[in-house]
Amino acid sequence: MLWTLAFWKGAAERSIKTFAATLAGLIAGDGIGIVDVDWGSAAGVAALATTVTLLIAIGNADFVAGDSQIK
């Protein structure tokens, strides 16, 4: 299942959502204006979260690919 288009579509969707949610959480949680955000650090943390999400997806490729036979 790891080398199917369905897997990579699912993994990409989850990774993009993780990146966006992490970045938004860091910006909002910092309590400062958007101009004052340390974008390098925020992007680094979001990238790390995205990497973890992708590794989890690889570890559970059948689920990510949408295999309805998983029980």
N, C-alpha and C. Protein backbone atom coordinates (compact mmCIF):
# COMPACT_ATOMS: atom_id res chain seq x y z
N MET A 1 0.80 -1.21 0.00
CA MET A 1 0.00 0.00 0.00
C MET A 1 0.84 1.26 0.00
N LEU A 2 2.08 1.18 0.42
CA LEU A 2 2.93 2.36 0.56
C LEU A 2 3.21 3.04 -0.76
N TRP A 3 3.28 2.29 -1.83
CA TRP A 3 3.65 2.87 -3.12
C TRP A 3 2.44 3.13 -4.01
N THR A 4 1.29 3.34 -3.44
CA THR A 4 0.10 3.62 -4.24
C THR A 4 -0.19 5.13 -4.23
N LEU A 5 -0.90 5.56 -5.24
CA LEU A 5 -1.30 6.97 -5.30
C LEU A 5 -2.23 7.33 -4.14
N ALA A 6 -3.09 6.40 -3.77
CA ALA A 6 -4.02 6.66 -2.66
C ALA A 6 -3.26 6.94 -1.37
N PHE A 7 -2.18 6.19 -1.12
CA PHE A 7 -1.39 6.42 0.09
C PHE A 7 -0.80 7.82 0.07
N TRP A 8 -0.16 8.20 -1.02
CA TRP A 8 0.53 9.48 -1.08
C TRP A 8 -0.44 10.66 -1.06
N LYS A 9 -1.63 10.47 -1.61
CA LYS A 9 -2.65 11.52 -1.51
C LYS A 9 -3.08 11.70 -0.05
N GLY A 10 -3.34 10.58 0.61
CA GLY A 10 -3.74 10.65 2.02
C GLY A 10 -2.64 11.22 2.90
N ALA A 11 -1.40 10.79 2.66
CA ALA A 11 -0.27 11.27 3.45
C ALA A 11 -0.04 12.76 3.21
N ALA A 12 -0.16 13.20 1.97
CA ALA A 12 0.02 14.62 1.66
C ALA A 12 -1.05 15.46 2.33
N GLU A 13 -2.29 14.99 2.27
CA GLU A 13 -3.38 15.74 2.89
C GLU A 13 -3.15 15.87 4.39
N ARG A 14 -2.81 14.79 5.05
CA ARG A 14 -2.56 14.83 6.49
C ARG A 14 -1.37 15.72 6.83
N SER A 15 -0.33 15.65 6.02
CA SER A 15 0.87 16.45 6.28
C SER A 15 0.59 17.95 6.13
N ILE A 16 -0.14 18.31 5.10
CA ILE A 16 -0.47 19.73 4.88
C ILE A 16 -1.34 20.25 6.02
N LYS A 17 -2.31 19.46 6.43
CA LYS A 17 -3.18 19.87 7.54
C LYS A 17 -2.39 20.01 8.84
N THR A 18 -1.46 19.09 9.09
CA THR A 18 -0.64 19.16 10.29
C THR A 18 0.22 20.41 10.28
N PHE A 19 0.86 20.70 9.14
CA PHE A 19 1.70 21.89 9.03
C PHE A 19 0.88 23.14 9.31
N ALA A 20 -0.26 23.25 8.66
CA ALA A 20 -1.11 24.44 8.83
C ALA A 20 -1.61 24.59 10.26
N ALA A 21 -2.07 23.50 10.84
CA ALA A 21 -2.60 23.56 12.20
C ALA A 21 -1.51 23.91 13.22
N THR A 22 -0.34 23.33 13.04
CA THR A 22 0.76 23.62 13.95
C THR A 22 1.20 25.07 13.84
N LEU A 23 1.34 25.55 12.62
CA LEU A 23 1.74 26.93 12.40
C LEU A 23 0.70 27.89 12.97
N ALA A 24 -0.57 27.62 12.74
CA ALA A 24 -1.64 28.48 13.26
C ALA A 24 -1.64 28.46 14.79
N GLY A 25 -1.42 27.29 15.38
CA GLY A 25 -1.39 27.19 16.84
C GLY A 25 -0.23 27.97 17.44
N LEU A 26 0.91 27.92 16.79
CA LEU A 26 2.07 28.66 17.29
C LEU A 26 1.87 30.17 17.18
N ILE A 27 1.28 30.60 16.08
CA ILE A 27 1.04 32.03 15.89
C ILE A 27 0.01 32.53 16.90
N ALA A 28 -1.10 31.81 17.03
CA ALA A 28 -2.17 32.22 17.95
C ALA A 28 -1.75 32.06 19.40
N GLY A 29 -1.03 31.01 19.69
CA GLY A 29 -0.63 30.73 21.07
C GLY A 29 0.43 31.68 21.59
N ASP A 30 1.16 32.31 20.69
CA ASP A 30 2.20 33.23 21.10
C ASP A 30 1.62 34.53 21.65
N GLY A 31 0.42 34.85 21.23
CA GLY A 31 -0.26 36.04 21.74
C GLY A 31 0.33 37.34 21.25
N ILE A 32 1.06 37.29 20.15
CA ILE A 32 1.64 38.52 19.61
C ILE A 32 1.11 38.74 18.21
N GLY A 33 1.40 39.89 17.68
CA GLY A 33 0.94 40.21 16.34
C GLY A 33 1.64 39.36 15.29
N ILE A 34 1.01 39.20 14.16
CA ILE A 34 1.54 38.36 13.08
C ILE A 34 2.86 38.91 12.55
N VAL A 35 3.08 40.20 12.68
CA VAL A 35 4.32 40.80 12.22
C VAL A 35 5.49 40.41 13.12
N ASP A 36 5.20 40.16 14.39
CA ASP A 36 6.25 39.87 15.37
C ASP A 36 6.60 38.40 15.51
N VAL A 37 5.99 37.54 14.72
CA VAL A 37 6.22 36.10 14.82
C VAL A 37 7.63 35.76 14.33
N ASP A 38 8.31 34.89 15.05
CA ASP A 38 9.60 34.37 14.58
C ASP A 38 9.28 33.27 13.57
N TRP A 39 9.19 33.65 12.30
CA TRP A 39 8.73 32.74 11.25
C TRP A 39 9.66 31.56 11.07
N GLY A 40 10.94 31.75 11.26
CA GLY A 40 11.89 30.64 11.11
C GLY A 40 11.64 29.55 12.13
N SER A 41 11.48 29.95 13.38
CA SER A 41 11.22 28.97 14.44
C SER A 41 9.85 28.31 14.26
N ALA A 42 8.85 29.12 13.94
CA ALA A 42 7.50 28.58 13.75
C ALA A 42 7.46 27.58 12.60
N ALA A 43 8.13 27.91 11.50
CA ALA A 43 8.16 27.00 10.35
C ALA A 43 8.95 25.73 10.69
N GLY A 44 9.99 25.87 11.50
CA GLY A 44 10.77 24.70 11.91
C GLY A 44 9.96 23.73 12.76
N VAL A 45 9.21 24.25 13.70
CA VAL A 45 8.36 23.41 14.54
C VAL A 45 7.27 22.75 13.71
N ALA A 46 6.66 23.52 12.80
CA ALA A 46 5.62 22.97 11.92
C ALA A 46 6.19 21.89 11.01
N ALA A 47 7.40 22.10 10.52
CA ALA A 47 8.05 21.09 9.67
C ALA A 47 8.33 19.81 10.45
N LEU A 48 8.75 19.95 11.69
CA LEU A 48 8.98 18.77 12.53
C LEU A 48 7.69 18.00 12.75
N ALA A 49 6.61 18.70 13.05
CA ALA A 49 5.32 18.05 13.23
C ALA A 49 4.87 17.35 11.96
N THR A 50 5.14 17.98 10.82
CA THR A 50 4.78 17.39 9.53
C THR A 50 5.59 16.12 9.28
N THR A 51 6.86 16.13 9.62
CA THR A 51 7.71 14.95 9.46
C THR A 51 7.19 13.80 10.32
N VAL A 52 6.81 14.09 11.54
CA VAL A 52 6.27 13.06 12.42
C VAL A 52 4.98 12.49 11.83
N THR A 53 4.12 13.35 11.31
CA THR A 53 2.89 12.90 10.68
C THR A 53 3.17 11.97 9.51
N LEU A 54 4.14 12.33 8.68
CA LEU A 54 4.49 11.49 7.53
C LEU A 54 5.05 10.14 7.98
N LEU A 55 5.88 10.13 9.02
CA LEU A 55 6.42 8.87 9.53
C LEU A 55 5.32 7.98 10.10
N ILE A 56 4.36 8.58 10.78
CA ILE A 56 3.22 7.82 11.30
C ILE A 56 2.41 7.24 10.14
N ALA A 57 2.23 8.02 9.09
CA ALA A 57 1.49 7.54 7.91
C ALA A 57 2.21 6.35 7.28
N ILE A 58 3.52 6.43 7.17
CA ILE A 58 4.28 5.31 6.60
C ILE A 58 4.15 4.07 7.47
N GLY A 59 4.13 4.27 8.78
CA GLY A 59 3.97 3.14 9.70
C GLY A 59 2.61 2.48 9.63
N ASN A 60 1.63 3.18 9.11
CA ASN A 60 0.27 2.65 9.03
C ASN A 60 -0.27 2.89 7.62
N ALA A 61 0.49 2.46 6.63
CA ALA A 61 0.19 2.77 5.24
C ALA A 61 -1.17 2.26 4.77
N ASP A 62 -1.58 1.11 5.23
CA ASP A 62 -2.87 0.56 4.80
C ASP A 62 -4.02 1.47 5.20
N PHE A 63 -3.98 2.01 6.39
CA PHE A 63 -5.04 2.89 6.86
C PHE A 63 -5.04 4.20 6.07
N VAL A 64 -3.86 4.77 5.86
CA VAL A 64 -3.74 6.04 5.15
C VAL A 64 -4.23 5.92 3.71
N ALA A 65 -3.97 4.76 3.10
CA ALA A 65 -4.37 4.55 1.71
C ALA A 65 -5.86 4.33 1.57
N GLY A 66 -6.55 4.20 2.69
CA GLY A 66 -8.00 4.05 2.64
C GLY A 66 -8.47 2.63 2.38
N ASP A 67 -7.70 1.66 2.84
CA ASP A 67 -8.08 0.26 2.68
C ASP A 67 -9.27 -0.05 3.59
N SER A 68 -10.40 -0.31 3.00
CA SER A 68 -11.62 -0.54 3.79
C SER A 68 -11.64 -1.95 4.40
N GLN A 69 -10.67 -2.77 4.12
CA GLN A 69 -10.63 -4.12 4.65
C GLN A 69 -9.96 -4.22 6.02
N ILE A 70 -9.43 -3.11 6.52
CA ILE A 70 -8.75 -3.12 7.81
C ILE A 70 -9.79 -3.26 8.92
N LYS A 71 -9.51 -4.11 9.86
CA LYS A 71 -10.44 -4.34 10.97
C LYS A 71 -9.80 -4.02 12.27
